[in-house]
Amino acid sequence: MSAHPMPRVGGDRKREMLQLRPLRQLTEISLAIPDASACLRVHNDDLGGTIRALRNTRRLTIEGLAMDAGMHPTYLSGIERGRRNPTWSKIADLAEALEIPVSAIVLDAEERCMEEAIRIAAADAYRARLAALAPLRDSAIRLTNCRS
């Protein structure tokens, strides 16, 4: 008797046992893509990521941008990491230092928020699909283990 838990099968029979085409046809999970209302509230992480990306594209240091915007470098670092909740005045100061409109910062942060919402929805749908397939996969494994 073999030490392997699964019986040894060769060639086409092994490929036939591993194919899950019927299982894929049985389950269909829909992906709910969030609409614009899903991101009515931009998170500090999204805002900070936007400011960091804008600073990096201009090849500015935290110290340089903070000095131009009239704030302390540790405060700007906290904004970029999503640890600080800046006022509109501070966001306007950053926009002026970056020479862009405030709306550009907000729109990019909203886009980041939407991308994150879509990523989360896709991951949830993937997990749901795996969960739906698990009983079918387990029963297929039990059936193949019963054959000798």
C-alpha atoms as a PDB file:
ATOM      1  CA  MET A   1       0.000   0.000   0.000  1.00  0.00           C
ATOM      2  CA  SER A   2       1.241   3.454  -0.907  1.00  0.00           C
ATOM      3  CA  ALA A   3       2.032   6.114   1.696  1.00  0.00           C
ATOM      4  CA  HIS A   4       0.283   8.711  -0.469  1.00  0.00           C
ATOM      5  CA  PRO A   5      -3.201   9.712   0.712  1.00  0.00           C
ATOM      6  CA  MET A   6      -4.465   9.974  -2.886  1.00  0.00           C
ATOM      7  CA  PRO A   7      -4.364   7.010  -5.234  1.00  0.00           C
ATOM      8  CA  ARG A   8      -1.738   7.273  -7.946  1.00  0.00           C
ATOM      9  CA  VAL A   9      -3.278   7.904 -11.302  1.00  0.00           C
ATOM     10  CA  GLY A  10      -1.362   8.591 -14.472  1.00  0.00           C
ATOM     11  CA  GLY A  11      -1.813  10.491 -17.698  1.00  0.00           C
ATOM     12  CA  ASP A  12      -5.228  11.529 -18.926  1.00  0.00           C
ATOM     13  CA  ARG A  13      -7.073  10.079 -15.922  1.00  0.00           C
ATOM     14  CA  LYS A  14      -5.127  12.350 -13.548  1.00  0.00           C
ATOM     15  CA  ARG A  15      -5.865  15.439 -15.682  1.00  0.00           C
ATOM     16  CA  GLU A  16      -9.523  14.421 -15.864  1.00  0.00           C
ATOM     17  CA  MET A  17      -9.758  14.187 -12.070  1.00  0.00           C
ATOM     18  CA  LEU A  18      -8.149  17.604 -11.587  1.00  0.00           C
ATOM     19  CA  GLN A  19     -10.384  19.462 -14.037  1.00  0.00           C
ATOM     20  CA  LEU A  20     -13.042  21.524 -12.310  1.00  0.00           C
ATOM     21  CA  ARG A  21     -14.986  22.809 -15.301  1.00  0.00           C
ATOM     22  CA  PRO A  22     -18.387  21.671 -14.010  1.00  0.00           C
ATOM     23  CA  LEU A  23     -17.682  23.349 -10.647  1.00  0.00           C
ATOM     24  CA  ARG A  24     -16.921  26.646 -12.325  1.00  0.00           C
ATOM     25  CA  GLN A  25     -20.215  26.514 -14.206  1.00  0.00           C
ATOM     26  CA  LEU A  26     -22.230  25.858 -11.058  1.00  0.00           C
ATOM     27  CA  THR A  27     -21.148  28.948  -9.140  1.00  0.00           C
ATOM     28  CA  GLU A  28     -21.325  32.529 -10.256  1.00  0.00           C
ATOM     29  CA  ILE A  29     -20.580  35.391  -7.900  1.00  0.00           C
ATOM     30  CA  SER A  30     -21.496  38.904  -8.932  1.00  0.00           C
ATOM     31  CA  LEU A  31     -19.160  41.750  -8.125  1.00  0.00           C
ATOM     32  CA  ALA A  32     -20.874  44.859  -6.847  1.00  0.00           C
ATOM     33  CA  ILE A  33     -18.817  47.823  -7.998  1.00  0.00           C
ATOM     34  CA  PRO A  34     -19.315  50.763  -5.648  1.00  0.00           C
ATOM     35  CA  ASP A  35     -20.712  53.931  -7.141  1.00  0.00           C
ATOM     36  CA  ALA A  36     -19.597  57.482  -6.457  1.00  0.00           C
ATOM     37  CA  SER A  37     -21.646  57.660  -3.258  1.00  0.00           C
ATOM     38  CA  ALA A  38     -19.477  54.893  -1.771  1.00  0.00           C
ATOM     39  CA  CYS A  39     -16.678  57.424  -1.308  1.00  0.00           C
ATOM     40  CA  LEU A  40     -18.481  60.467  -0.040  1.00  0.00           C
ATOM     41  CA  ARG A  41     -15.996  60.565   2.803  1.00  0.00           C
ATOM     42  CA  VAL A  42     -12.362  60.657   1.785  1.00  0.00           C
ATOM     43  CA  HIS A  43     -10.166  58.950   4.353  1.00  0.00           C
ATOM     44  CA  ASN A  44      -7.024  60.496   5.781  1.00  0.00           C
ATOM     45  CA  ASP A  45      -4.946  57.720   4.181  1.00  0.00           C
ATOM     46  CA  ASP A  46      -6.252  58.671   0.729  1.00  0.00           C
ATOM     47  CA  LEU A  47      -5.596  62.363   1.287  1.00  0.00           C
ATOM     48  CA  GLY A  48      -2.128  61.683   2.673  1.00  0.00           C
ATOM     49  CA  GLY A  49      -1.266  59.340  -0.196  1.00  0.00           C
ATOM     50  CA  THR A  50      -2.296  62.021  -2.672  1.00  0.00           C
ATOM     51  CA  ILE A  51      -0.150  64.666  -1.006  1.00  0.00           C
ATOM     52  CA  ARG A  52       2.816  62.291  -0.816  1.00  0.00           C
ATOM     53  CA  ALA A  53       2.466  61.367  -4.504  1.00  0.00           C
ATOM     54  CA  LEU A  54       2.250  65.036  -5.522  1.00  0.00           C
ATOM     55  CA  ARG A  55       5.291  65.862  -3.398  1.00  0.00           C
ATOM     56  CA  ASN A  56       7.279  62.967  -4.857  1.00  0.00           C
ATOM     57  CA  THR A  57       6.416  63.856  -8.468  1.00  0.00           C
ATOM     58  CA  ARG A  58       7.816  67.329  -7.812  1.00  0.00           C
ATOM     59  CA  ARG A  59      10.897  65.810  -6.132  1.00  0.00           C
ATOM     60  CA  LEU A  60      10.316  67.776  -2.940  1.00  0.00           C
ATOM     61  CA  THR A  61      11.379  66.681   0.508  1.00  0.00           C
ATOM     62  CA  ILE A  62       8.964  66.692   3.419  1.00  0.00           C
ATOM     63  CA  GLU A  63      11.002  69.491   4.946  1.00  0.00           C
ATOM     64  CA  GLY A  64      10.898  71.567   1.743  1.00  0.00           C
ATOM     65  CA  LEU A  65       7.154  71.222   1.214  1.00  0.00           C
ATOM     66  CA  ALA A  66       6.429  71.786   4.894  1.00  0.00           C
ATOM     67  CA  MET A  67       8.481  74.987   4.870  1.00  0.00           C
ATOM     68  CA  ASP A  68       6.724  76.211   1.693  1.00  0.00           C
ATOM     69  CA  ALA A  69       3.314  75.422   3.214  1.00  0.00           C
ATOM     70  CA  GLY A  70       4.154  76.995   6.583  1.00  0.00           C
ATOM     71  CA  MET A  71       3.888  73.872   8.729  1.00  0.00           C
ATOM     72  CA  HIS A  72       6.199  71.640  10.713  1.00  0.00           C
ATOM     73  CA  PRO A  73       7.712  68.651   8.857  1.00  0.00           C
ATOM     74  CA  THR A  74       6.407  66.173  11.452  1.00  0.00           C
ATOM     75  CA  TYR A  75       2.880  67.520  10.939  1.00  0.00           C
ATOM     76  CA  LEU A  76       3.185  67.044   7.156  1.00  0.00           C
ATOM     77  CA  SER A  77       4.598  63.561   7.721  1.00  0.00           C
ATOM     78  CA  GLY A  78       1.569  62.767   9.881  1.00  0.00           C
ATOM     79  CA  ILE A  79      -0.775  63.996   7.130  1.00  0.00           C
ATOM     80  CA  GLU A  80       0.984  61.831   4.546  1.00  0.00           C
ATOM     81  CA  ARG A  81       0.716  58.768   6.793  1.00  0.00           C
ATOM     82  CA  GLY A  82      -2.970  59.409   7.466  1.00  0.00           C
ATOM     83  CA  ARG A  83      -2.344  60.107  11.163  1.00  0.00           C
ATOM     84  CA  ARG A  84      -3.375  63.775  11.069  1.00  0.00           C
ATOM     85  CA  ASN A  85      -6.684  65.338  10.111  1.00  0.00           C
ATOM     86  CA  PRO A  86      -5.696  68.577   8.359  1.00  0.00           C
ATOM     87  CA  THR A  87      -8.019  71.563   8.186  1.00  0.00           C
ATOM     88  CA  TRP A  88      -9.100  73.042   4.867  1.00  0.00           C
ATOM     89  CA  SER A  89      -6.704  75.870   5.581  1.00  0.00           C
ATOM     90  CA  LYS A  90      -3.764  73.455   5.797  1.00  0.00           C
ATOM     91  CA  ILE A  91      -4.888  71.663   2.619  1.00  0.00           C
ATOM     92  CA  ALA A  92      -5.115  75.049   0.874  1.00  0.00           C
ATOM     93  CA  ASP A  93      -1.591  75.900   2.096  1.00  0.00           C
ATOM     94  CA  LEU A  94      -0.295  72.600   0.688  1.00  0.00           C
ATOM     95  CA  ALA A  95      -2.108  73.188  -2.621  1.00  0.00           C
ATOM     96  CA  GLU A  96      -0.563  76.654  -2.879  1.00  0.00           C
ATOM     97  CA  ALA A  97       2.909  75.295  -2.113  1.00  0.00           C
ATOM     98  CA  LEU A  98       2.416  72.557  -4.733  1.00  0.00           C
ATOM     99  CA  GLU A  99       1.033  75.157  -7.173  1.00  0.00           C
ATOM    100  CA  ILE A 100      -2.188  73.261  -7.853  1.00  0.00           C
ATOM    101  CA  PRO A 101      -5.847  73.923  -7.017  1.00  0.00           C
ATOM    102  CA  VAL A 102      -7.307  72.408  -3.858  1.00  0.00           C
ATOM    103  CA  SER A 103      -9.808  70.571  -6.044  1.00  0.00           C
ATOM    104  CA  ALA A 104      -6.958  68.590  -7.647  1.00  0.00           C
ATOM    105  CA  ILE A 105      -5.953  67.229  -4.254  1.00  0.00           C
ATOM    106  CA  VAL A 106      -9.534  66.360  -3.311  1.00  0.00           C
ATOM    107  CA  LEU A 107     -10.338  64.717  -6.668  1.00  0.00           C
ATOM    108  CA  ASP A 108      -7.213  62.566  -6.548  1.00  0.00           C
ATOM    109  CA  ALA A 109      -7.992  61.550  -2.956  1.00  0.00           C
ATOM    110  CA  GLU A 110     -11.550  60.597  -4.002  1.00  0.00           C
ATOM    111  CA  GLU A 111     -10.142  58.520  -6.851  1.00  0.00           C
ATOM    112  CA  ARG A 112      -7.818  56.719  -4.431  1.00  0.00           C
ATOM    113  CA  CYS A 113     -10.779  56.067  -2.146  1.00  0.00           C
ATOM    114  CA  MET A 114     -12.832  54.622  -5.019  1.00  0.00           C
ATOM    115  CA  GLU A 115      -9.943  52.402  -6.139  1.00  0.00           C
ATOM    116  CA  GLU A 116      -9.653  51.049  -2.613  1.00  0.00           C
ATOM    117  CA  ALA A 117     -13.408  50.402  -2.444  1.00  0.00           C
ATOM    118  CA  ILE A 118     -13.237  48.483  -5.738  1.00  0.00           C
ATOM    119  CA  ARG A 119     -10.220  46.494  -4.541  1.00  0.00           C
ATOM    120  CA  ILE A 120     -12.052  45.539  -1.345  1.00  0.00           C
ATOM    121  CA  ALA A 121     -15.190  44.559  -3.290  1.00  0.00           C
ATOM    122  CA  ALA A 122     -13.124  42.384  -5.647  1.00  0.00           C
ATOM    123  CA  ALA A 123     -11.334  40.691  -2.740  1.00  0.00           C
ATOM    124  CA  ASP A 124     -14.668  40.031  -1.008  1.00  0.00           C
ATOM    125  CA  ALA A 125     -16.106  38.530  -4.204  1.00  0.00           C
ATOM    126  CA  TYR A 126     -13.032  36.332  -4.610  1.00  0.00           C
ATOM    127  CA  ARG A 127     -13.317  35.089  -1.008  1.00  0.00           C
ATOM    128  CA  ALA A 128     -17.035  34.422  -1.517  1.00  0.00           C
ATOM    129  CA  ARG A 129     -16.289  32.441  -4.664  1.00  0.00           C
ATOM    130  CA  LEU A 130     -13.672  30.360  -2.844  1.00  0.00           C
ATOM    131  CA  ALA A 131     -16.099  29.745   0.001  1.00  0.00           C
ATOM    132  CA  ALA A 132     -18.813  28.681  -2.454  1.00  0.00           C
ATOM    133  CA  LEU A 133     -16.420  26.296  -4.203  1.00  0.00           C
ATOM    134  CA  ALA A 134     -14.989  24.770  -1.017  1.00  0.00           C
ATOM    135  CA  PRO A 135     -17.803  22.230  -0.375  1.00  0.00           C
ATOM    136  CA  LEU A 136     -17.779  21.154  -4.018  1.00  0.00           C
ATOM    137  CA  ARG A 137     -14.002  20.847  -4.056  1.00  0.00           C
ATOM    138  CA  ASP A 138     -14.004  18.878  -0.809  1.00  0.00           C
ATOM    139  CA  SER A 139     -16.656  16.461  -2.096  1.00  0.00           C
ATOM    140  CA  ALA A 140     -14.647  15.957  -5.316  1.00  0.00           C
ATOM    141  CA  ILE A 141     -11.561  15.147  -3.242  1.00  0.00           C
ATOM    142  CA  ARG A 142     -13.559  12.673  -1.139  1.00  0.00           C
ATOM    143  CA  LEU A 143     -14.845  10.978  -4.299  1.00  0.00           C
ATOM    144  CA  THR A 144     -11.359  10.636  -5.763  1.00  0.00           C
ATOM    145  CA  ASN A 145     -10.029   9.264  -2.454  1.00  0.00           C
ATOM    146  CA  CYS A 146     -12.736   6.575  -2.430  1.00  0.00           C
ATOM    147  CA  ARG A 147     -11.616   5.173  -5.786  1.00  0.00           C
ATOM    148  CA  SER A 148      -8.802   2.669  -5.745  1.00  0.00           C
END
